[in-house]
All heavy atoms as atom14 arrays in JSON, in Angstrom:
{
  "sequence": "ASSDPRTWARRLKLLRSFMRWLLQFEPGCEVPADAIFGRLPDR",
  "atom14_mask": [
    [1, 1, 1, 1, 1, 0, 0, 0, 0, 0, 0, 0, 0, 0],
    [1, 1, 1, 1, 1, 1, 0, 0, 0, 0, 0, 0, 0, 0],
    [1, 1, 1, 1, 1, 1, 0, 0, 0, 0, 0, 0, 0, 0],
    [1, 1, 1, 1, 1, 1, 1, 1, 0, 0, 0, 0, 0, 0],
    [1, 1, 1, 1, 1, 1, 1, 0, 0, 0, 0, 0, 0, 0],
    [1, 1, 1, 1, 1, 1, 1, 1, 1, 1, 1, 0, 0, 0],
    [1, 1, 1, 1, 1, 1, 1, 0, 0, 0, 0, 0, 0, 0],
    [1, 1, 1, 1, 1, 1, 1, 1, 1, 1, 1, 1, 1, 1],
    [1, 1, 1, 1, 1, 0, 0, 0, 0, 0, 0, 0, 0, 0],
    [1, 1, 1, 1, 1, 1, 1, 1, 1, 1, 1, 0, 0, 0],
    [1, 1, 1, 1, 1, 1, 1, 1, 1, 1, 1, 0, 0, 0],
    [1, 1, 1, 1, 1, 1, 1, 1, 0, 0, 0, 0, 0, 0],
    [1, 1, 1, 1, 1, 1, 1, 1, 1, 0, 0, 0, 0, 0],
    [1, 1, 1, 1, 1, 1, 1, 1, 0, 0, 0, 0, 0, 0],
    [1, 1, 1, 1, 1, 1, 1, 1, 0, 0, 0, 0, 0, 0],
    [1, 1, 1, 1, 1, 1, 1, 1, 1, 1, 1, 0, 0, 0],
    [1, 1, 1, 1, 1, 1, 0, 0, 0, 0, 0, 0, 0, 0],
    [1, 1, 1, 1, 1, 1, 1, 1, 1, 1, 1, 0, 0, 0],
    [1, 1, 1, 1, 1, 1, 1, 1, 0, 0, 0, 0, 0, 0],
    [1, 1, 1, 1, 1, 1, 1, 1, 1, 1, 1, 0, 0, 0],
    [1, 1, 1, 1, 1, 1, 1, 1, 1, 1, 1, 1, 1, 1],
    [1, 1, 1, 1, 1, 1, 1, 1, 0, 0, 0, 0, 0, 0],
    [1, 1, 1, 1, 1, 1, 1, 1, 0, 0, 0, 0, 0, 0],
    [1, 1, 1, 1, 1, 1, 1, 1, 1, 0, 0, 0, 0, 0],
    [1, 1, 1, 1, 1, 1, 1, 1, 1, 1, 1, 0, 0, 0],
    [1, 1, 1, 1, 1, 1, 1, 1, 1, 0, 0, 0, 0, 0],
    [1, 1, 1, 1, 1, 1, 1, 0, 0, 0, 0, 0, 0, 0],
    [1, 1, 1, 1, 0, 0, 0, 0, 0, 0, 0, 0, 0, 0],
    [1, 1, 1, 1, 1, 1, 0, 0, 0, 0, 0, 0, 0, 0],
    [1, 1, 1, 1, 1, 1, 1, 1, 1, 0, 0, 0, 0, 0],
    [1, 1, 1, 1, 1, 1, 1, 0, 0, 0, 0, 0, 0, 0],
    [1, 1, 1, 1, 1, 1, 1, 0, 0, 0, 0, 0, 0, 0],
    [1, 1, 1, 1, 1, 0, 0, 0, 0, 0, 0, 0, 0, 0],
    [1, 1, 1, 1, 1, 1, 1, 1, 0, 0, 0, 0, 0, 0],
    [1, 1, 1, 1, 1, 0, 0, 0, 0, 0, 0, 0, 0, 0],
    [1, 1, 1, 1, 1, 1, 1, 1, 0, 0, 0, 0, 0, 0],
    [1, 1, 1, 1, 1, 1, 1, 1, 1, 1, 1, 0, 0, 0],
    [1, 1, 1, 1, 0, 0, 0, 0, 0, 0, 0, 0, 0, 0],
    [1, 1, 1, 1, 1, 1, 1, 1, 1, 1, 1, 0, 0, 0],
    [1, 1, 1, 1, 1, 1, 1, 1, 0, 0, 0, 0, 0, 0],
    [1, 1, 1, 1, 1, 1, 1, 0, 0, 0, 0, 0, 0, 0],
    [1, 1, 1, 1, 1, 1, 1, 1, 0, 0, 0, 0, 0, 0],
    [1, 1, 1, 1, 1, 1, 1, 1, 1, 1, 1, 0, 0, 0]
  ],
  "atom14_positions": [
    [[-14.03, -9.23, -6.16], [-14.98, -8.13, -6.06], [-15.34, -7.82, -4.63], [-16.48, -7.59, -4.26], [-16.24, -8.48, -6.85], [0.0, 0.0, 0.0], [0.0, 0.0, 0.0], [0.0, 0.0, 0.0], [0.0, 0.0, 0.0], [0.0, 0.0, 0.0], [0.0, 0.0, 0.0], [0.0, 0.0, 0.0], [0.0, 0.0, 0.0], [0.0, 0.0, 0.0]],
    [[-14.32, -7.78, -3.78], [-14.5, -7.54, -2.38], [-14.92, -6.07, -2.13], [-14.39, -5.19, -2.76], [-13.26, -7.88, -1.55], [-13.43, -7.52, -0.2], [0.0, 0.0, 0.0], [0.0, 0.0, 0.0], [0.0, 0.0, 0.0], [0.0, 0.0, 0.0], [0.0, 0.0, 0.0], [0.0, 0.0, 0.0], [0.0, 0.0, 0.0], [0.0, 0.0, 0.0]],
    [[-15.81, -5.9, -1.17], [-16.19, -4.55, -0.71], [-15.62, -4.28, 0.71], [-16.04, -3.3, 1.32], [-17.7, -4.38, -0.69], [-18.3, -5.37, 0.19], [0.0, 0.0, 0.0], [0.0, 0.0, 0.0], [0.0, 0.0, 0.0], [0.0, 0.0, 0.0], [0.0, 0.0, 0.0], [0.0, 0.0, 0.0], [0.0, 0.0, 0.0], [0.0, 0.0, 0.0]],
    [[-14.68, -5.1, 1.14], [-14.15, -5.0, 2.49], [-12.87, -4.07, 2.48], [-11.92, -4.46, 1.77], [-13.78, -6.35, 3.04], [-13.32, -6.29, 4.48], [-13.1, -5.23, 5.02], [-13.19, -7.42, 5.08], [0.0, 0.0, 0.0], [0.0, 0.0, 0.0], [0.0, 0.0, 0.0], [0.0, 0.0, 0.0], [0.0, 0.0, 0.0], [0.0, 0.0, 0.0]],
    [[-12.85, -2.95, 3.08], [-11.68, -2.11, 3.07], [-10.42, -2.83, 3.6], [-9.35, -2.44, 3.19], [-12.06, -0.96, 4.03], [-13.54, -0.89, 3.97], [-13.99, -2.34, 3.83], [0.0, 0.0, 0.0], [0.0, 0.0, 0.0], [0.0, 0.0, 0.0], [0.0, 0.0, 0.0], [0.0, 0.0, 0.0], [0.0, 0.0, 0.0], [0.0, 0.0, 0.0]],
    [[-10.58, -3.82, 4.46], [-9.42, -4.55, 4.93], [-8.75, -5.32, 3.81], [-7.5, -5.45, 3.77], [-9.81, -5.5, 6.06], [-10.2, -4.78, 7.37], [-10.71, -5.74, 8.37], [-11.92, -6.47, 7.89], [-12.56, -7.39, 8.58], [-12.14, -7.75, 9.78], [-13.62, -7.95, 8.11], [0.0, 0.0, 0.0], [0.0, 0.0, 0.0], [0.0, 0.0, 0.0]],
    [[-9.57, -5.87, 2.89], [-9.0, -6.5, 1.73], [-8.23, -5.53, 0.85], [-7.15, -5.84, 0.36], [-10.11, -7.21, 0.91], [-10.75, -8.17, 1.69], [-9.55, -7.85, -0.37], [0.0, 0.0, 0.0], [0.0, 0.0, 0.0], [0.0, 0.0, 0.0], [0.0, 0.0, 0.0], [0.0, 0.0, 0.0], [0.0, 0.0, 0.0], [0.0, 0.0, 0.0]],
    [[-8.84, -4.38, 0.62], [-8.13, -3.36, -0.12], [-6.83, -2.94, 0.55], [-5.82, -2.73, -0.12], [-9.03, -2.12, -0.3], [-10.41, -2.39, -0.9], [-10.73, -3.5, -1.64], [-11.54, -1.57, -0.78], [-12.03, -3.38, -2.01], [-12.61, -2.23, -1.52], [-11.84, -0.37, -0.14], [-13.87, -1.67, -1.62], [-13.12, 0.17, -0.25], [-14.09, -0.5, -0.94]],
    [[-6.85, -2.82, 1.84], [-5.65, -2.41, 2.58], [-4.55, -3.47, 2.43], [-3.36, -3.12, 2.32], [-5.98, -2.17, 4.06], [0.0, 0.0, 0.0], [0.0, 0.0, 0.0], [0.0, 0.0, 0.0], [0.0, 0.0, 0.0], [0.0, 0.0, 0.0], [0.0, 0.0, 0.0], [0.0, 0.0, 0.0], [0.0, 0.0, 0.0], [0.0, 0.0, 0.0]],
    [[-4.94, -4.74, 2.49], [-3.96, -5.8, 2.35], [-3.33, -5.76, 0.93], [-2.12, -5.97, 0.8], [-4.57, -7.17, 2.65], [-4.82, -7.43, 4.11], [-5.2, -8.86, 4.33], [-6.54, -9.2, 3.93], [-7.59, -9.1, 4.7], [-7.46, -8.73, 5.94], [-8.8, -9.42, 4.26], [0.0, 0.0, 0.0], [0.0, 0.0, 0.0], [0.0, 0.0, 0.0]],
    [[-4.16, -5.5, -0.08], [-3.66, -5.46, -1.41], [-2.67, -4.25, -1.56], [-1.59, -4.31, -2.2], [-4.76, -5.33, -2.43], [-5.43, -6.67, -2.68], [-6.8, -6.53, -3.42], [-6.68, -5.9, -4.7], [-6.28, -6.47, -5.86], [-5.89, -7.74, -5.81], [-6.28, -5.83, -7.02], [0.0, 0.0, 0.0], [0.0, 0.0, 0.0], [0.0, 0.0, 0.0]],
    [[-3.07, -3.11, -1.01], [-2.25, -1.91, -1.1], [-0.91, -2.13, -0.4], [0.14, -1.65, -0.85], [-3.0, -0.71, -0.52], [-2.51, 0.66, -0.94], [-2.67, 0.84, -2.45], [-3.34, 1.73, -0.2], [0.0, 0.0, 0.0], [0.0, 0.0, 0.0], [0.0, 0.0, 0.0], [0.0, 0.0, 0.0], [0.0, 0.0, 0.0], [0.0, 0.0, 0.0]],
    [[-0.93, -2.89, 0.73], [0.29, -3.14, 1.47], [1.32, -3.87, 0.63], [2.52, -3.72, 0.75], [-0.04, -3.94, 2.72], [1.12, -4.16, 3.64], [0.69, -4.92, 4.91], [1.86, -5.13, 5.85], [1.44, -5.84, 7.1], [0.0, 0.0, 0.0], [0.0, 0.0, 0.0], [0.0, 0.0, 0.0], [0.0, 0.0, 0.0], [0.0, 0.0, 0.0]],
    [[0.81, -4.73, -0.31], [1.75, -5.5, -1.17], [2.53, -4.61, -2.15], [3.57, -5.05, -2.7], [0.94, -6.55, -1.97], [0.32, -7.68, -1.16], [-0.64, -8.48, -2.01], [1.36, -8.56, -0.55], [0.0, 0.0, 0.0], [0.0, 0.0, 0.0], [0.0, 0.0, 0.0], [0.0, 0.0, 0.0], [0.0, 0.0, 0.0], [0.0, 0.0, 0.0]],
    [[2.11, -3.4, -2.33], [2.78, -2.47, -3.25], [3.84, -1.61, -2.54], [4.69, -1.05, -3.22], [1.75, -1.53, -3.94], [0.6, -2.16, -4.72], [-0.21, -1.04, -5.35], [1.11, -3.15, -5.78], [0.0, 0.0, 0.0], [0.0, 0.0, 0.0], [0.0, 0.0, 0.0], [0.0, 0.0, 0.0], [0.0, 0.0, 0.0], [0.0, 0.0, 0.0]],
    [[3.75, -1.55, -1.24], [4.51, -0.49, -0.51], [6.01, -0.64, -0.68], [6.71, 0.37, -1.04], [4.12, -0.52, 0.98], [4.53, 0.75, 1.71], [3.84, 0.85, 3.06], [2.42, 0.96, 2.91], [1.54, 0.23, 3.5], [1.94, -0.73, 4.32], [0.23, 0.4, 3.32], [0.0, 0.0, 0.0], [0.0, 0.0, 0.0], [0.0, 0.0, 0.0]],
    [[6.59, -1.83, -0.51], [8.03, -1.98, -0.59], [8.5, -1.76, -2.02], [9.58, -1.21, -2.27], [8.45, -3.34, -0.06], [7.89, -4.37, -0.88], [0.0, 0.0, 0.0], [0.0, 0.0, 0.0], [0.0, 0.0, 0.0], [0.0, 0.0, 0.0], [0.0, 0.0, 0.0], [0.0, 0.0, 0.0], [0.0, 0.0, 0.0], [0.0, 0.0, 0.0]],
    [[7.68, -2.19, -3.02], [8.07, -1.95, -4.4], [8.08, -0.48, -4.74], [8.97, 0.02, -5.43], [7.05, -2.7, -5.35], [7.21, -2.28, -6.77], [8.32, -2.72, -7.49], [6.25, -1.49, -7.42], [8.47, -2.33, -8.84], [6.41, -1.14, -8.72], [7.5, -1.56, -9.46], [0.0, 0.0, 0.0], [0.0, 0.0, 0.0], [0.0, 0.0, 0.0]],
    [[7.07, 0.28, -4.22], [7.04, 1.71, -4.55], [8.23, 2.46, -3.9], [8.74, 3.38, -4.5], [5.71, 2.3, -4.06], [4.48, 1.78, -4.8], [4.58, 1.89, -6.62], [4.78, 3.68, -6.82], [0.0, 0.0, 0.0], [0.0, 0.0, 0.0], [0.0, 0.0, 0.0], [0.0, 0.0, 0.0], [0.0, 0.0, 0.0], [0.0, 0.0, 0.0]],
    [[8.63, 2.01, -2.76], [9.83, 2.65, -2.16], [11.07, 2.36, -3.02], [11.89, 3.23, -3.24], [10.05, 2.09, -0.7], [9.03, 2.51, 0.3], [9.55, 2.19, 1.71], [8.48, 2.41, 2.69], [7.76, 1.43, 3.25], [8.05, 0.15, 2.91], [6.82, 1.68, 4.14], [0.0, 0.0, 0.0], [0.0, 0.0, 0.0], [0.0, 0.0, 0.0]],
    [[11.14, 1.14, -3.51], [12.3, 0.75, -4.38], [12.24, 1.52, -5.67], [13.24, 1.95, -6.21], [12.21, -0.8, -4.66], [13.19, -1.29, -5.65], [14.43, -1.75, -5.37], [13.01, -1.47, -7.08], [15.05, -2.2, -6.51], [14.22, -2.03, -7.55], [11.97, -1.2, -7.92], [14.38, -2.33, -8.9], [12.12, -1.49, -9.24], [13.32, -2.05, -9.75]],
    [[11.02, 1.77, -6.19], [10.8, 2.45, -7.5], [11.21, 3.91, -7.44], [11.58, 4.49, -8.46], [9.32, 2.33, -7.9], [8.94, 2.79, -9.29], [9.73, 2.01, -10.39], [7.46, 2.67, -9.5], [0.0, 0.0, 0.0], [0.0, 0.0, 0.0], [0.0, 0.0, 0.0], [0.0, 0.0, 0.0], [0.0, 0.0, 0.0], [0.0, 0.0, 0.0]],
    [[11.27, 4.5, -6.27], [11.61, 5.93, -6.17], [13.02, 6.26, -6.67], [13.26, 7.35, -7.12], [11.53, 6.37, -4.69], [10.11, 6.52, -4.11], [10.18, 6.82, -2.62], [9.32, 7.59, -4.82], [0.0, 0.0, 0.0], [0.0, 0.0, 0.0], [0.0, 0.0, 0.0], [0.0, 0.0, 0.0], [0.0, 0.0, 0.0], [0.0, 0.0, 0.0]],
    [[13.92, 5.28, -6.7], [15.26, 5.54, -7.19], [15.24, 5.74, -8.69], [16.16, 6.37, -9.24], [16.18, 4.39, -6.85], [15.78, 3.02, -7.45], [16.64, 1.86, -6.96], [17.88, 1.91, -7.08], [15.98, 0.85, -6.41], [0.0, 0.0, 0.0], [0.0, 0.0, 0.0], [0.0, 0.0, 0.0], [0.0, 0.0, 0.0], [0.0, 0.0, 0.0]],
    [[14.22, 5.23, -9.4], [14.13, 5.43, -10.83], [13.07, 6.5, -11.17], [13.22, 7.16, -12.18], [13.76, 4.09, -11.5], [14.65, 2.96, -11.13], [14.23, 1.94, -10.25], [15.94, 2.89, -11.68], [15.1, 0.91, -9.93], [16.75, 1.82, -11.35], [16.34, 0.83, -10.46], [0.0, 0.0, 0.0], [0.0, 0.0, 0.0], [0.0, 0.0, 0.0]],
    [[12.04, 6.61, -10.36], [10.93, 7.54, -10.65], [10.66, 8.35, -9.37], [9.71, 8.0, -8.61], [9.7, 6.74, -11.08], [9.89, 5.93, -12.36], [10.02, 6.79, -13.59], [9.64, 7.94, -13.55], [10.52, 6.24, -14.59], [0.0, 0.0, 0.0], [0.0, 0.0, 0.0], [0.0, 0.0, 0.0], [0.0, 0.0, 0.0], [0.0, 0.0, 0.0]],
    [[11.44, 9.39, -9.12], [11.3, 10.13, -7.86], [9.88, 10.74, -7.65], [9.52, 11.04, -6.53], [12.34, 11.25, -7.99], [13.34, 10.72, -8.97], [12.53, 9.91, -9.96], [0.0, 0.0, 0.0], [0.0, 0.0, 0.0], [0.0, 0.0, 0.0], [0.0, 0.0, 0.0], [0.0, 0.0, 0.0], [0.0, 0.0, 0.0], [0.0, 0.0, 0.0]],
    [[9.15, 10.93, -8.71], [7.82, 11.55, -8.55], [6.75, 10.61, -8.1], [5.61, 11.03, -7.79], [0.0, 0.0, 0.0], [0.0, 0.0, 0.0], [0.0, 0.0, 0.0], [0.0, 0.0, 0.0], [0.0, 0.0, 0.0], [0.0, 0.0, 0.0], [0.0, 0.0, 0.0], [0.0, 0.0, 0.0], [0.0, 0.0, 0.0], [0.0, 0.0, 0.0]],
    [[7.05, 9.31, -8.03], [6.04, 8.3, -7.61], [5.72, 8.47, -6.13], [6.54, 8.97, -5.34], [6.52, 6.93, -7.93], [6.6, 6.47, -9.68], [0.0, 0.0, 0.0], [0.0, 0.0, 0.0], [0.0, 0.0, 0.0], [0.0, 0.0, 0.0], [0.0, 0.0, 0.0], [0.0, 0.0, 0.0], [0.0, 0.0, 0.0], [0.0, 0.0, 0.0]],
    [[4.55, 8.06, -5.76], [4.16, 8.17, -4.35], [4.17, 6.78, -3.68], [4.08, 5.76, -4.37], [2.69, 8.69, -4.24], [2.57, 10.11, -4.82], [1.17, 10.64, -4.78], [0.21, 9.85, -4.52], [0.96, 11.86, -5.08], [0.0, 0.0, 0.0], [0.0, 0.0, 0.0], [0.0, 0.0, 0.0], [0.0, 0.0, 0.0], [0.0, 0.0, 0.0]],
    [[4.36, 6.82, -2.39], [4.37, 5.59, -1.55], [3.09, 5.59, -0.73], [2.89, 6.56, 0.01], [5.59, 5.45, -0.69], [5.51, 4.2, 0.19], [6.86, 5.42, -1.52], [0.0, 0.0, 0.0], [0.0, 0.0, 0.0], [0.0, 0.0, 0.0], [0.0, 0.0, 0.0], [0.0, 0.0, 0.0], [0.0, 0.0, 0.0], [0.0, 0.0, 0.0]],
    [[2.24, 4.6, -0.86], [0.95, 4.62, -0.08], [1.2, 4.51, 1.4], [2.01, 3.77, 1.88], [0.21, 3.42, -0.62], [1.27, 2.48, -1.1], [2.39, 3.34, -1.61], [0.0, 0.0, 0.0], [0.0, 0.0, 0.0], [0.0, 0.0, 0.0], [0.0, 0.0, 0.0], [0.0, 0.0, 0.0], [0.0, 0.0, 0.0], [0.0, 0.0, 0.0]],
    [[0.44, 5.33, 2.13], [0.49, 5.25, 3.59], [-0.24, 3.99, 4.04], [-1.01, 3.36, 3.24], [-0.18, 6.45, 4.2], [0.0, 0.0, 0.0], [0.0, 0.0, 0.0], [0.0, 0.0, 0.0], [0.0, 0.0, 0.0], [0.0, 0.0, 0.0], [0.0, 0.0, 0.0], [0.0, 0.0, 0.0], [0.0, 0.0, 0.0], [0.0, 0.0, 0.0]],
    [[-0.07, 3.54, 5.3], [-0.7, 2.3, 5.74], [-2.07, 2.51, 6.33], [-2.6, 1.58, 6.94], [0.26, 1.61, 6.77], [0.46, 2.48, 7.99], [-0.04, 3.6, 8.09], [1.24, 2.0, 8.85], [0.0, 0.0, 0.0], [0.0, 0.0, 0.0], [0.0, 0.0, 0.0], [0.0, 0.0, 0.0], [0.0, 0.0, 0.0], [0.0, 0.0, 0.0]],
    [[-2.65, 3.71, 6.2], [-3.96, 3.96, 6.83], [-4.97, 4.46, 5.85], [-6.02, 4.96, 6.23], [-3.78, 4.93, 7.99], [0.0, 0.0, 0.0], [0.0, 0.0, 0.0], [0.0, 0.0, 0.0], [0.0, 0.0, 0.0], [0.0, 0.0, 0.0], [0.0, 0.0, 0.0], [0.0, 0.0, 0.0], [0.0, 0.0, 0.0], [0.0, 0.0, 0.0]],
    [[-4.71, 4.31, 4.54], [-5.64, 4.79, 3.5], [-6.98, 4.13, 3.64], [-8.06, 4.76, 3.59], [-5.04, 4.62, 2.11], [-3.83, 5.48, 1.94], [-6.12, 4.92, 1.04], [-3.13, 5.31, 0.64], [0.0, 0.0, 0.0], [0.0, 0.0, 0.0], [0.0, 0.0, 0.0], [0.0, 0.0, 0.0], [0.0, 0.0, 0.0], [0.0, 0.0, 0.0]],
    [[-7.0, 2.79, 3.82], [-8.23, 2.05, 4.01], [-8.39, 1.59, 5.44], [-9.23, 0.7, 5.71], [-8.25, 0.85, 3.07], [-8.25, 1.22, 1.58], [-7.26, 0.77, 0.79], [-9.29, 2.05, 1.06], [-7.25, 1.09, -0.61], [-9.26, 2.35, -0.28], [-8.27, 1.88, -1.12], [0.0, 0.0, 0.0], [0.0, 0.0, 0.0], [0.0, 0.0, 0.0]],
    [[-7.59, 2.13, 6.37], [-7.65, 1.67, 7.76], [-6.46, 0.77, 8.03], [-5.99, 0.05, 7.16], [0.0, 0.0, 0.0], [0.0, 0.0, 0.0], [0.0, 0.0, 0.0], [0.0, 0.0, 0.0], [0.0, 0.0, 0.0], [0.0, 0.0, 0.0], [0.0, 0.0, 0.0], [0.0, 0.0, 0.0], [0.0, 0.0, 0.0], [0.0, 0.0, 0.0]],
    [[-5.98, 0.83, 9.21], [-4.81, 0.0, 9.58], [-5.17, -1.47, 9.71], [-6.23, -1.84, 10.14], [-4.17, 0.52, 10.89], [-3.6, 1.91, 10.77], [-2.86, 2.35, 11.98], [-2.39, 3.7, 11.9], [-1.21, 4.03, 11.26], [-0.44, 3.08, 10.8], [-0.8, 5.28, 11.21], [0.0, 0.0, 0.0], [0.0, 0.0, 0.0], [0.0, 0.0, 0.0]],
    [[-4.19, -2.33, 9.36], [-4.36, -3.71, 9.51], [-3.6, -4.26, 10.75], [-2.58, -3.68, 11.18], [-3.79, -4.45, 8.27], [-4.56, -4.31, 6.98], [-3.73, -4.87, 5.85], [-5.87, -5.07, 7.08], [0.0, 0.0, 0.0], [0.0, 0.0, 0.0], [0.0, 0.0, 0.0], [0.0, 0.0, 0.0], [0.0, 0.0, 0.0], [0.0, 0.0, 0.0]],
    [[-4.07, -5.31, 11.38], [-3.27, -5.99, 12.42], [-1.99, -6.52, 11.8], [-1.87, -6.75, 10.6], [-4.18, -7.14, 12.9], [-5.11, -7.36, 11.77], [-5.36, -6.03, 11.11], [0.0, 0.0, 0.0], [0.0, 0.0, 0.0], [0.0, 0.0, 0.0], [0.0, 0.0, 0.0], [0.0, 0.0, 0.0], [0.0, 0.0, 0.0], [0.0, 0.0, 0.0]],
    [[-0.96, -6.68, 12.68], [0.36, -7.12, 12.19], [0.26, -8.47, 11.48], [0.91, -8.73, 10.47], [1.36, -7.21, 13.32], [1.72, -5.85, 13.86], [1.58, -4.85, 13.1], [2.13, -5.77, 15.04], [0.0, 0.0, 0.0], [0.0, 0.0, 0.0], [0.0, 0.0, 0.0], [0.0, 0.0, 0.0], [0.0, 0.0, 0.0], [0.0, 0.0, 0.0]],
    [[-0.55, -9.39, 12.01], [-0.67, -10.72, 11.4], [-2.13, -11.02, 11.2], [-2.97, -10.76, 12.08], [-0.02, -11.81, 12.26], [1.49, -11.7, 12.36], [2.03, -12.81, 13.26], [1.82, -14.11, 12.66], [2.65, -14.71, 11.84], [3.79, -14.14, 11.52], [2.41, -15.91, 11.4], [0.0, 0.0, 0.0], [0.0, 0.0, 0.0], [0.0, 0.0, 0.0]]
  ]
}
């Protein structure tokens, strides 16, 4: 139940590579940008 946008951004980042892969089967799907909840540090 986090209210921290950085936590949301980290969770969203876990979907990004899968959504790119999914485009080959579902071209209408969207790939989340990395700044929706604010950018994260690299590590």
